[in-house]
Amino acid sequence: MSPLLIRICAIVLISLTTLGAQAASVDVDLRLAAQLHRTGETRQAIAIWERWADQGDTDAAYNLALIHHHADGVALDLATAMRWYRVAAERGDKVSQIQIGLMYQLGQGVEADAEEAHRWFTMHRKHHFHHANSPQMLAWRQQALALIEQSELQEQRLLAQKNSTQIIAELRQRAQPQPAFHTEHLAASSH
């Protein structure tokens, strides 16, 4: 093996080990923060969550938003809750996006704004729009429409057959001679 290849492999190995250790460290710290918060040590939990939220951890940002939104161990602070929800939402957290939408819908800490609420409620869908016009998606959509049309036509044919059979039966019944109505029966039954 060349010395350059050995160095590259070593760098990759060290990087992967460091990332794995950092991920484990985040989990350990977030569990510790949750435990501290449950036991009333909210100030220490906040310090841990803020450190990780500032480094990009979505769960930490969401936890900060949640405690400020529901006054859980801290004073109610909807502006701070909105700030942390935004941090998490902008990193792709769907629950935070929904919470922001609810805050706009209900006017919690912000002026009520139905359009802004809708934008946040549907934000996660934008990530899937690129699939809408792919050749495979268009082909599937055409196949689905063809199947639906075929099924609807078959249902209409069966219904038309059933209706025509019923109409023919009714017409045949009407075409049969009806027994004459005798007034004698009427007179006899009234005495």
N, C-alpha and C. Protein backbone atom coordinates (compact mmCIF):
# COMPACT_ATOMS: atom_id res chain seq x y z
N MET A 1 0.84 -1.18 0.00
CA MET A 1 0.00 0.00 0.00
C MET A 1 0.88 1.23 0.00
N SER A 2 0.43 2.24 -0.73
CA SER A 2 1.21 3.47 -0.78
C SER A 2 1.02 4.27 0.50
N PRO A 3 2.01 5.06 0.86
CA PRO A 3 1.90 5.87 2.09
C PRO A 3 0.72 6.84 2.03
N LEU A 4 0.43 7.36 0.84
CA LEU A 4 -0.69 8.29 0.69
C LEU A 4 -2.02 7.59 0.97
N LEU A 5 -2.18 6.40 0.44
CA LEU A 5 -3.40 5.63 0.66
C LEU A 5 -3.56 5.27 2.13
N ILE A 6 -2.46 4.94 2.79
CA ILE A 6 -2.49 4.63 4.23
C ILE A 6 -2.94 5.85 5.02
N ARG A 7 -2.42 7.03 4.67
CA ARG A 7 -2.79 8.27 5.36
C ARG A 7 -4.28 8.57 5.16
N ILE A 8 -4.77 8.41 3.93
CA ILE A 8 -6.18 8.67 3.65
C ILE A 8 -7.07 7.73 4.45
N CYS A 9 -6.71 6.45 4.48
CA CYS A 9 -7.49 5.47 5.26
C CYS A 9 -7.48 5.83 6.74
N ALA A 10 -6.34 6.25 7.24
CA ALA A 10 -6.23 6.63 8.65
C ALA A 10 -7.11 7.84 8.96
N ILE A 11 -7.11 8.83 8.07
CA ILE A 11 -7.92 10.03 8.27
C ILE A 11 -9.40 9.68 8.26
N VAL A 12 -9.81 8.84 7.32
CA VAL A 12 -11.21 8.41 7.25
C VAL A 12 -11.60 7.66 8.51
N LEU A 13 -10.75 6.76 8.96
CA LEU A 13 -11.03 5.97 10.17
C LEU A 13 -11.15 6.87 11.40
N ILE A 14 -10.27 7.83 11.53
CA ILE A 14 -10.30 8.76 12.67
C ILE A 14 -11.57 9.61 12.60
N SER A 15 -11.93 10.07 11.41
CA SER A 15 -13.13 10.89 11.25
C SER A 15 -14.37 10.11 11.63
N LEU A 16 -14.47 8.88 11.15
CA LEU A 16 -15.63 8.05 11.48
C LEU A 16 -15.72 7.76 12.97
N THR A 17 -14.58 7.50 13.58
CA THR A 17 -14.54 7.23 15.03
C THR A 17 -14.98 8.47 15.79
N THR A 18 -14.52 9.64 15.38
CA THR A 18 -14.87 10.89 16.04
C THR A 18 -16.36 11.18 15.90
N LEU A 19 -16.92 10.97 14.68
CA LEU A 19 -18.35 11.19 14.48
C LEU A 19 -19.17 10.24 15.33
N GLY A 20 -18.78 8.99 15.39
CA GLY A 20 -19.49 8.01 16.22
C GLY A 20 -19.44 8.39 17.68
N ALA A 21 -18.28 8.84 18.13
CA ALA A 21 -18.14 9.24 19.54
C ALA A 21 -18.99 10.48 19.83
N GLN A 22 -19.04 11.42 18.86
CA GLN A 22 -19.83 12.63 19.06
C GLN A 22 -21.31 12.27 19.11
N ALA A 23 -21.77 11.37 18.25
CA ALA A 23 -23.17 10.96 18.26
C ALA A 23 -23.53 10.31 19.59
N ALA A 24 -22.65 9.46 20.08
CA ALA A 24 -22.88 8.83 21.38
C ALA A 24 -22.89 9.88 22.47
N SER A 25 -22.01 10.87 22.37
CA SER A 25 -21.93 11.94 23.36
C SER A 25 -23.22 12.77 23.37
N VAL A 26 -23.77 13.06 22.20
CA VAL A 26 -25.03 13.81 22.12
C VAL A 26 -26.13 13.04 22.84
N ASP A 27 -26.26 11.76 22.51
CA ASP A 27 -27.29 10.94 23.15
C ASP A 27 -27.14 10.91 24.66
N VAL A 28 -25.92 10.73 25.11
CA VAL A 28 -25.67 10.67 26.56
C VAL A 28 -26.02 12.02 27.19
N ASP A 29 -25.59 13.10 26.56
CA ASP A 29 -25.86 14.43 27.11
C ASP A 29 -27.36 14.75 27.11
N LEU A 30 -28.06 14.36 26.04
CA LEU A 30 -29.50 14.66 25.98
C LEU A 30 -30.27 13.86 27.03
N ARG A 31 -29.85 12.62 27.25
CA ARG A 31 -30.48 11.83 28.32
C ARG A 31 -30.20 12.45 29.68
N LEU A 32 -28.97 12.90 29.89
CA LEU A 32 -28.60 13.56 31.14
C LEU A 32 -29.44 14.82 31.33
N ALA A 33 -29.59 15.62 30.27
CA ALA A 33 -30.38 16.85 30.36
C ALA A 33 -31.83 16.54 30.71
N ALA A 34 -32.39 15.51 30.10
CA ALA A 34 -33.78 15.13 30.39
C ALA A 34 -33.91 14.71 31.85
N GLN A 35 -32.92 13.95 32.34
CA GLN A 35 -32.95 13.51 33.74
C GLN A 35 -32.82 14.71 34.67
N LEU A 36 -31.92 15.61 34.36
CA LEU A 36 -31.75 16.82 35.18
C LEU A 36 -33.05 17.62 35.21
N HIS A 37 -33.67 17.75 34.07
CA HIS A 37 -34.92 18.51 33.99
C HIS A 37 -36.01 17.85 34.84
N ARG A 38 -36.11 16.53 34.77
CA ARG A 38 -37.13 15.81 35.55
C ARG A 38 -36.91 15.98 37.05
N THR A 39 -35.67 16.10 37.46
CA THR A 39 -35.38 16.23 38.89
C THR A 39 -35.33 17.68 39.35
N GLY A 40 -35.74 18.62 38.47
CA GLY A 40 -35.80 20.01 38.87
C GLY A 40 -34.54 20.81 38.60
N GLU A 41 -33.55 20.23 37.98
CA GLU A 41 -32.29 20.92 37.67
C GLU A 41 -32.38 21.50 36.25
N THR A 42 -33.44 22.26 36.01
CA THR A 42 -33.72 22.75 34.67
C THR A 42 -32.63 23.66 34.14
N ARG A 43 -32.05 24.48 34.98
CA ARG A 43 -30.99 25.41 34.53
C ARG A 43 -29.82 24.63 33.93
N GLN A 44 -29.42 23.53 34.55
CA GLN A 44 -28.32 22.71 34.01
C GLN A 44 -28.75 22.01 32.72
N ALA A 45 -30.01 21.56 32.68
CA ALA A 45 -30.52 20.91 31.46
C ALA A 45 -30.52 21.90 30.30
N ILE A 46 -30.93 23.13 30.56
CA ILE A 46 -30.95 24.15 29.52
C ILE A 46 -29.55 24.40 28.98
N ALA A 47 -28.57 24.44 29.87
CA ALA A 47 -27.18 24.66 29.42
C ALA A 47 -26.74 23.56 28.45
N ILE A 48 -27.10 22.32 28.77
CA ILE A 48 -26.74 21.20 27.89
C ILE A 48 -27.49 21.31 26.57
N TRP A 49 -28.80 21.54 26.62
CA TRP A 49 -29.60 21.64 25.40
C TRP A 49 -29.12 22.79 24.52
N GLU A 50 -28.82 23.94 25.14
CA GLU A 50 -28.37 25.09 24.35
C GLU A 50 -27.04 24.79 23.65
N ARG A 51 -26.13 24.12 24.37
CA ARG A 51 -24.83 23.79 23.77
C ARG A 51 -25.03 22.92 22.53
N TRP A 52 -25.87 21.89 22.64
CA TRP A 52 -26.08 20.99 21.50
C TRP A 52 -26.94 21.64 20.42
N ALA A 53 -27.91 22.46 20.80
CA ALA A 53 -28.74 23.14 19.80
C ALA A 53 -27.87 24.09 18.97
N ASP A 54 -26.95 24.78 19.65
CA ASP A 54 -26.04 25.68 18.93
C ASP A 54 -25.11 24.92 17.99
N GLN A 55 -24.89 23.64 18.27
CA GLN A 55 -24.04 22.81 17.39
C GLN A 55 -24.86 22.10 16.31
N GLY A 56 -26.17 22.36 16.28
CA GLY A 56 -26.98 21.80 15.20
C GLY A 56 -27.90 20.66 15.58
N ASP A 57 -28.01 20.32 16.85
CA ASP A 57 -28.87 19.20 17.22
C ASP A 57 -30.34 19.65 17.29
N THR A 58 -31.16 19.01 16.49
CA THR A 58 -32.57 19.35 16.38
C THR A 58 -33.34 19.00 17.65
N ASP A 59 -33.05 17.85 18.24
CA ASP A 59 -33.76 17.43 19.45
C ASP A 59 -33.54 18.41 20.60
N ALA A 60 -32.33 18.89 20.72
CA ALA A 60 -32.02 19.85 21.78
C ALA A 60 -32.81 21.15 21.57
N ALA A 61 -32.86 21.63 20.33
CA ALA A 61 -33.62 22.85 20.02
C ALA A 61 -35.10 22.64 20.31
N TYR A 62 -35.62 21.48 19.93
CA TYR A 62 -37.04 21.18 20.18
C TYR A 62 -37.33 21.15 21.68
N ASN A 63 -36.44 20.52 22.47
CA ASN A 63 -36.64 20.47 23.92
C ASN A 63 -36.68 21.87 24.53
N LEU A 64 -35.81 22.74 24.06
CA LEU A 64 -35.79 24.12 24.55
C LEU A 64 -37.10 24.83 24.20
N ALA A 65 -37.58 24.61 22.98
CA ALA A 65 -38.84 25.23 22.57
C ALA A 65 -39.98 24.72 23.44
N LEU A 66 -40.00 23.44 23.66
CA LEU A 66 -41.08 22.80 24.40
C LEU A 66 -41.19 23.32 25.84
N ILE A 67 -40.07 23.41 26.54
CA ILE A 67 -40.16 23.85 27.94
C ILE A 67 -40.59 25.31 28.04
N HIS A 68 -40.18 26.15 27.07
CA HIS A 68 -40.59 27.56 27.10
C HIS A 68 -42.04 27.72 26.66
N HIS A 69 -42.49 26.88 25.76
CA HIS A 69 -43.87 26.95 25.26
C HIS A 69 -44.87 26.53 26.33
N HIS A 70 -44.49 25.55 27.15
CA HIS A 70 -45.42 25.02 28.16
C HIS A 70 -45.04 25.40 29.59
N ALA A 71 -44.10 26.33 29.74
CA ALA A 71 -43.67 26.78 31.08
C ALA A 71 -43.32 25.60 31.96
N ASP A 72 -42.53 24.68 31.41
CA ASP A 72 -42.15 23.46 32.12
C ASP A 72 -40.77 23.66 32.74
N GLY A 73 -40.76 24.16 33.97
CA GLY A 73 -39.50 24.39 34.67
C GLY A 73 -38.92 25.77 34.43
N VAL A 74 -39.55 26.53 33.54
CA VAL A 74 -39.14 27.90 33.23
C VAL A 74 -40.42 28.74 33.10
N ALA A 75 -40.24 30.06 33.06
CA ALA A 75 -41.40 30.93 32.86
C ALA A 75 -41.90 30.78 31.42
N LEU A 76 -43.20 30.95 31.25
CA LEU A 76 -43.78 30.91 29.92
C LEU A 76 -43.14 32.00 29.07
N ASP A 77 -42.57 31.62 27.93
CA ASP A 77 -41.91 32.58 27.05
C ASP A 77 -42.14 32.13 25.61
N LEU A 78 -43.23 32.60 25.03
CA LEU A 78 -43.61 32.15 23.69
C LEU A 78 -42.64 32.63 22.62
N ALA A 79 -42.01 33.79 22.83
CA ALA A 79 -41.03 34.29 21.84
C ALA A 79 -39.81 33.36 21.81
N THR A 80 -39.34 32.93 22.97
CA THR A 80 -38.21 32.00 23.03
C THR A 80 -38.62 30.65 22.46
N ALA A 81 -39.83 30.21 22.78
CA ALA A 81 -40.32 28.94 22.23
C ALA A 81 -40.32 29.01 20.71
N MET A 82 -40.84 30.11 20.16
CA MET A 82 -40.90 30.25 18.70
C MET A 82 -39.49 30.25 18.11
N ARG A 83 -38.56 30.92 18.77
CA ARG A 83 -37.18 30.96 18.25
C ARG A 83 -36.59 29.56 18.16
N TRP A 84 -36.76 28.75 19.22
CA TRP A 84 -36.19 27.40 19.21
C TRP A 84 -36.97 26.46 18.28
N TYR A 85 -38.30 26.65 18.20
CA TYR A 85 -39.06 25.84 17.24
C TYR A 85 -38.55 26.12 15.81
N ARG A 86 -38.27 27.41 15.53
CA ARG A 86 -37.77 27.76 14.20
C ARG A 86 -36.42 27.10 13.92
N VAL A 87 -35.55 27.09 14.92
CA VAL A 87 -34.25 26.44 14.74
C VAL A 87 -34.45 24.97 14.36
N ALA A 88 -35.30 24.28 15.10
CA ALA A 88 -35.55 22.87 14.83
C ALA A 88 -36.28 22.68 13.49
N ALA A 89 -37.26 23.54 13.22
CA ALA A 89 -38.05 23.42 11.99
C ALA A 89 -37.18 23.65 10.76
N GLU A 90 -36.29 24.61 10.83
CA GLU A 90 -35.43 24.90 9.68
C GLU A 90 -34.43 23.78 9.44
N ARG A 91 -34.24 22.93 10.42
CA ARG A 91 -33.38 21.75 10.25
C ARG A 91 -34.20 20.52 9.85
N GLY A 92 -35.50 20.74 9.56
CA GLY A 92 -36.33 19.67 9.04
C GLY A 92 -37.22 18.97 10.03
N ASP A 93 -37.30 19.45 11.27
CA ASP A 93 -38.14 18.79 12.27
C ASP A 93 -39.62 19.10 11.99
N LYS A 94 -40.37 18.06 11.60
CA LYS A 94 -41.77 18.23 11.21
C LYS A 94 -42.65 18.65 12.38
N VAL A 95 -42.39 18.09 13.56
CA VAL A 95 -43.21 18.44 14.73
C VAL A 95 -43.05 19.93 15.04
N SER A 96 -41.85 20.44 14.93
CA SER A 96 -41.62 21.87 15.17
C SER A 96 -42.34 22.71 14.12
N GLN A 97 -42.34 22.25 12.87
CA GLN A 97 -43.05 22.96 11.82
C GLN A 97 -44.54 23.04 12.14
N ILE A 98 -45.10 21.93 12.61
CA ILE A 98 -46.52 21.91 12.98
C ILE A 98 -46.78 22.84 14.17
N GLN A 99 -45.88 22.82 15.16
CA GLN A 99 -46.05 23.69 16.34
C GLN A 99 -46.04 25.16 15.93
N ILE A 100 -45.14 25.53 15.02
CA ILE A 100 -45.11 26.92 14.55
C ILE A 100 -46.42 27.24 13.85
N GLY A 101 -46.90 26.32 13.03
CA GLY A 101 -48.18 26.53 12.36
C GLY A 101 -49.31 26.74 13.36
N LEU A 102 -49.32 25.94 14.43
CA LEU A 102 -50.35 26.09 15.47
C LEU A 102 -50.23 27.44 16.17
N MET A 103 -48.99 27.86 16.43
CA MET A 103 -48.81 29.14 17.11
C MET A 103 -49.33 30.29 16.24
N TYR A 104 -49.09 30.20 14.92
CA TYR A 104 -49.64 31.22 14.02
C TYR A 104 -51.16 31.11 13.91
N GLN A 105 -51.67 29.92 13.89
CA GLN A 105 -53.11 29.74 13.78
C GLN A 105 -53.83 30.29 15.01
N LEU A 106 -53.27 30.03 16.19
CA LEU A 106 -53.90 30.43 17.45
C LEU A 106 -53.48 31.82 17.93
N GLY A 107 -52.46 32.38 17.28
CA GLY A 107 -51.96 33.69 17.72
C GLY A 107 -51.21 33.59 19.03
N GLN A 108 -50.44 32.54 19.23
CA GLN A 108 -49.67 32.37 20.46
C GLN A 108 -48.28 32.98 20.29
N GLY A 109 -48.07 34.13 20.91
CA GLY A 109 -46.77 34.78 20.85
C GLY A 109 -46.51 35.49 19.54
N VAL A 110 -47.42 35.36 18.60
CA VAL A 110 -47.35 36.03 17.31
C VAL A 110 -48.76 36.45 16.94
N GLU A 111 -48.87 37.35 15.99
CA GLU A 111 -50.20 37.73 15.51
C GLU A 111 -50.77 36.56 14.72
N ALA A 112 -52.04 36.25 14.94
CA ALA A 112 -52.69 35.15 14.22
C ALA A 112 -52.60 35.42 12.72
N ASP A 113 -52.19 34.40 11.97
CA ASP A 113 -52.00 34.56 10.52
C ASP A 113 -52.26 33.20 9.87
N ALA A 114 -53.45 33.06 9.28
CA ALA A 114 -53.85 31.78 8.70
C ALA A 114 -52.94 31.36 7.55
N GLU A 115 -52.50 32.31 6.73
CA GLU A 115 -51.63 31.97 5.60
C GLU A 115 -50.27 31.46 6.09
N GLU A 116 -49.73 32.12 7.08
CA GLU A 116 -48.43 31.70 7.62
C GLU A 116 -48.57 30.34 8.31
N ALA A 117 -49.69 30.13 8.99
CA ALA A 117 -49.95 28.83 9.63
C ALA A 117 -49.97 27.74 8.57
N HIS A 118 -50.68 27.99 7.48
CA HIS A 118 -50.77 26.99 6.39
C HIS A 118 -49.39 26.71 5.81
N ARG A 119 -48.59 27.76 5.64
CA ARG A 119 -47.24 27.58 5.08
C ARG A 119 -46.42 26.64 5.95
N TRP A 120 -46.51 26.80 7.27
CA TRP A 120 -45.74 25.94 8.17
C TRP A 120 -46.34 24.54 8.23
N PHE A 121 -47.67 24.43 8.18
CA PHE A 121 -48.29 23.10 8.21
C PHE A 121 -47.89 22.26 7.01
N THR A 122 -47.69 22.91 5.87
CA THR A 122 -47.42 22.16 4.64
C THR A 122 -45.96 22.23 4.21
N MET A 123 -45.10 22.80 5.00
CA MET A 123 -43.70 22.99 4.62
C MET A 123 -43.00 21.68 4.26
N HIS A 124 -43.26 20.63 5.02
CA HIS A 124 -42.54 19.37 4.79
C HIS A 124 -42.90 18.75 3.45
N ARG A 125 -44.03 19.12 2.87
CA ARG A 125 -44.42 18.56 1.58
C ARG A 125 -43.52 19.05 0.44
N LYS A 126 -42.97 20.23 0.58
CA LYS A 126 -42.14 20.81 -0.48
C LYS A 126 -40.95 19.93 -0.82
N HIS A 127 -40.51 19.16 0.14
CA HIS A 127 -39.35 18.30 -0.09
C HIS A 127 -39.67 17.16 -1.04
N HIS A 128 -40.94 16.91 -1.30
CA HIS A 128 -41.33 15.79 -2.15
C HIS A 128 -41.84 16.23 -3.52
N PHE A 129 -41.89 17.54 -3.78
CA PHE A 129 -42.41 18.02 -5.06
C PHE A 129 -41.57 17.57 -6.24
N HIS A 130 -40.28 17.37 -6.04
CA HIS A 130 -39.41 17.00 -7.17
C HIS A 130 -39.81 15.66 -7.77
N HIS A 131 -40.54 14.83 -7.03
CA HIS A 131 -40.98 13.54 -7.54
C HIS A 131 -42.17 13.68 -8.50
N ALA A 132 -42.90 14.77 -8.38
CA ALA A 132 -44.18 14.90 -9.08
C ALA A 132 -44.05 14.79 -10.59
N ASN A 133 -42.98 15.29 -11.16
CA ASN A 133 -42.85 15.32 -12.61
C ASN A 133 -41.78 14.37 -13.16
N SER A 134 -41.34 13.45 -12.37
CA SER A 134 -40.35 12.50 -12.89
C SER A 134 -41.04 11.58 -13.89
N PRO A 135 -40.32 11.09 -14.91
CA PRO A 135 -40.94 10.22 -15.91
C PRO A 135 -41.61 8.99 -15.30
N GLN A 136 -40.99 8.39 -14.30
CA GLN A 136 -41.57 7.20 -13.66
C GLN A 136 -42.87 7.55 -12.96
N MET A 137 -42.89 8.68 -12.25
CA MET A 137 -44.10 9.10 -11.53
C MET A 137 -45.22 9.40 -12.52
N LEU A 138 -44.89 10.06 -13.64
CA LEU A 138 -45.90 10.35 -14.66
C LEU A 138 -46.47 9.06 -15.25
N ALA A 139 -45.60 8.08 -15.50
CA ALA A 139 -46.05 6.79 -16.03
C ALA A 139 -46.96 6.09 -15.02
N TRP A 140 -46.59 6.10 -13.75
CA TRP A 140 -47.43 5.47 -12.72
C TRP A 140 -48.78 6.16 -12.62
N ARG A 141 -48.75 7.48 -12.70
CA ARG A 141 -49.98 8.24 -12.61
C ARG A 141 -50.91 7.89 -13.79
N GLN A 142 -50.34 7.77 -14.99
CA GLN A 142 -51.14 7.40 -16.17
C GLN A 142 -51.70 5.99 -16.02
N GLN A 143 -50.88 5.07 -15.50
CA GLN A 143 -51.37 3.70 -15.28
C GLN A 143 -52.52 3.69 -14.27
N ALA A 144 -52.36 4.45 -13.21
CA ALA A 144 -53.41 4.50 -12.18
C ALA A 144 -54.70 5.07 -12.77
N LEU A 145 -54.59 6.14 -13.57
CA LEU A 145 -55.78 6.71 -14.19
C LEU A 145 -56.45 5.72 -15.13
N ALA A 146 -55.66 4.98 -15.89
CA ALA A 146 -56.23 3.98 -16.81
C ALA A 146 -56.96 2.90 -16.03
N LEU A 147 -56.37 2.44 -14.94
CA LEU A 147 -57.02 1.42 -14.11
C LEU A 147 -58.31 1.93 -13.49
N ILE A 148 -58.29 3.15 -13.04
CA ILE A 148 -59.48 3.75 -12.45
C ILE A 148 -60.58 3.87 -13.50
N GLU A 149 -60.21 4.37 -14.69
CA GLU A 149 -61.20 4.50 -15.77
C GLU A 149 -61.79 3.14 -16.13
N GLN A 150 -60.94 2.14 -16.27
CA GLN A 150 -61.39 0.79 -16.61
C GLN A 150 -62.36 0.27 -15.55
N SER A 151 -62.02 0.45 -14.29
CA SER A 151 -62.86 0.00 -13.19
C SER A 151 -64.21 0.74 -13.19
N GLU A 152 -64.17 2.04 -13.40
CA GLU A 152 -65.41 2.82 -13.43
C GLU A 152 -66.29 2.41 -14.60
N LEU A 153 -65.70 2.17 -15.77
CA LEU A 153 -66.47 1.73 -16.93
C LEU A 153 -67.14 0.39 -16.67
N GLN A 154 -66.40 -0.51 -16.05
CA GLN A 154 -66.95 -1.83 -15.73
C GLN A 154 -68.11 -1.69 -14.75
N GLU A 155 -67.95 -0.85 -13.74
CA GLU A 155 -69.03 -0.63 -12.78
C GLU A 155 -70.25 -0.03 -13.47
N GLN A 156 -70.03 0.91 -14.38
CA GLN A 156 -71.14 1.54 -15.10
C GLN A 156 -71.86 0.53 -15.98
N ARG A 157 -71.08 -0.35 -16.66
CA ARG A 157 -71.69 -1.39 -17.48
C ARG A 157 -72.56 -2.32 -16.65
N LEU A 158 -72.04 -2.78 -15.51
CA LEU A 158 -72.81 -3.67 -14.64
C LEU A 158 -74.06 -2.99 -14.12
N LEU A 159 -73.94 -1.74 -13.76
CA LEU A 159 -75.10 -1.00 -13.26
C LEU A 159 -76.13 -0.81 -14.38
N ALA A 160 -75.67 -0.51 -15.59
CA ALA A 160 -76.57 -0.35 -16.72
C ALA A 160 -77.28 -1.66 -17.04
N GLN A 161 -76.52 -2.77 -16.97
CA GLN A 161 -77.12 -4.09 -17.21
C GLN A 161 -78.20 -4.38 -16.18
N LYS A 162 -77.88 -4.12 -14.92
CA LYS A 162 -78.82 -4.37 -13.84
C LYS A 162 -80.07 -3.51 -14.03
N ASN A 163 -79.86 -2.23 -14.34
CA ASN A 163 -80.99 -1.33 -14.54
C ASN A 163 -81.84 -1.75 -15.74
N SER A 164 -81.17 -2.13 -16.83
CA SER A 164 -81.94 -2.53 -18.02
C SER A 164 -82.73 -3.81 -17.75
N THR A 165 -82.16 -4.74 -17.02
CA THR A 165 -82.87 -5.98 -16.67
C THR A 165 -84.09 -5.65 -15.81
N GLN A 166 -83.91 -4.76 -14.89
CA GLN A 166 -85.01 -4.36 -14.01
C GLN A 166 -86.10 -3.62 -14.80
N ILE A 167 -85.71 -2.75 -15.71
CA ILE A 167 -86.68 -2.00 -16.52
C ILE A 167 -87.46 -2.96 -17.42
N ILE A 168 -86.76 -3.92 -18.04
CA ILE A 168 -87.43 -4.90 -18.91
C ILE A 168 -88.44 -5.72 -18.10
N ALA A 169 -88.05 -6.13 -16.90
CA ALA A 169 -88.96 -6.90 -16.04
C ALA A 169 -90.20 -6.08 -15.69
N GLU A 170 -90.01 -4.81 -15.39
CA GLU A 170 -91.14 -3.94 -15.06
C GLU A 170 -92.04 -3.74 -16.27
N LEU A 171 -91.45 -3.57 -17.45
CA LEU A 171 -92.24 -3.39 -18.67
C LEU A 171 -93.04 -4.66 -18.99
N ARG A 172 -92.44 -5.82 -18.82
CA ARG A 172 -93.14 -7.09 -19.06
C ARG A 172 -94.34 -7.23 -18.11
N GLN A 173 -94.09 -6.84 -16.86
CA GLN A 173 -95.16 -6.93 -15.88
C GLN A 173 -96.31 -6.01 -16.25
N ARG A 174 -95.99 -4.82 -16.72
CA ARG A 174 -97.03 -3.88 -17.13
C ARG A 174 -97.77 -4.36 -18.39
N ALA A 175 -97.05 -5.07 -19.25
CA ALA A 175 -97.63 -5.52 -20.52
C ALA A 175 -98.61 -6.67 -20.33
N GLN A 176 -98.51 -7.38 -19.23
CA GLN A 176 -99.43 -8.50 -18.98
C GLN A 176 -100.83 -7.94 -18.72
N PRO A 177 -101.84 -8.67 -19.25
CA PRO A 177 -103.21 -8.18 -19.04
C PRO A 177 -103.54 -8.18 -17.54
N GLN A 178 -104.13 -7.13 -17.11
CA GLN A 178 -104.52 -7.00 -15.71
C GLN A 178 -105.92 -7.57 -15.54
N PRO A 179 -106.17 -8.24 -14.43
CA PRO A 179 -107.52 -8.76 -14.21
C PRO A 179 -108.50 -7.60 -14.13
N ALA A 180 -109.66 -7.82 -14.70
CA ALA A 180 -110.69 -6.78 -14.70
C ALA A 180 -111.16 -6.56 -13.28
N PHE A 181 -111.39 -5.38 -12.97
CA PHE A 181 -111.86 -5.02 -11.64
C PHE A 181 -113.37 -5.10 -11.66
N HIS A 182 -113.91 -5.93 -10.83
CA HIS A 182 -115.35 -6.13 -10.82
C HIS A 182 -115.96 -5.31 -9.72
N THR A 183 -116.96 -4.59 -10.08
CA THR A 183 -117.68 -3.77 -9.10
C THR A 183 -118.54 -4.64 -8.20
N GLU A 184 -118.83 -5.88 -8.64
CA GLU A 184 -119.63 -6.77 -7.82
C GLU A 184 -118.90 -7.11 -6.54
N HIS A 185 -117.58 -7.33 -6.63
CA HIS A 185 -116.78 -7.63 -5.44
C HIS A 185 -116.86 -6.48 -4.45
N LEU A 186 -116.80 -5.30 -4.98
CA LEU A 186 -116.80 -4.10 -4.16
C LEU A 186 -118.16 -3.98 -3.45
N ALA A 187 -119.23 -4.22 -4.20
CA ALA A 187 -120.58 -4.11 -3.63
C ALA A 187 -120.81 -5.21 -2.61
N ALA A 188 -120.33 -6.44 -2.87
CA ALA A 188 -120.52 -7.54 -1.95
C ALA A 188 -119.74 -7.35 -0.68
N SER A 189 -118.56 -6.78 -0.77
CA SER A 189 -117.73 -6.62 0.42
C SER A 189 -118.20 -5.46 1.29
N SER A 190 -118.98 -4.54 0.74
CA SER A 190 -119.43 -3.41 1.54
C SER A 190 -120.69 -3.75 2.34
N HIS A 191 -121.43 -4.86 2.01
CA HIS A 191 -122.64 -5.23 2.73
C HIS A 191 -122.33 -5.96 3.93
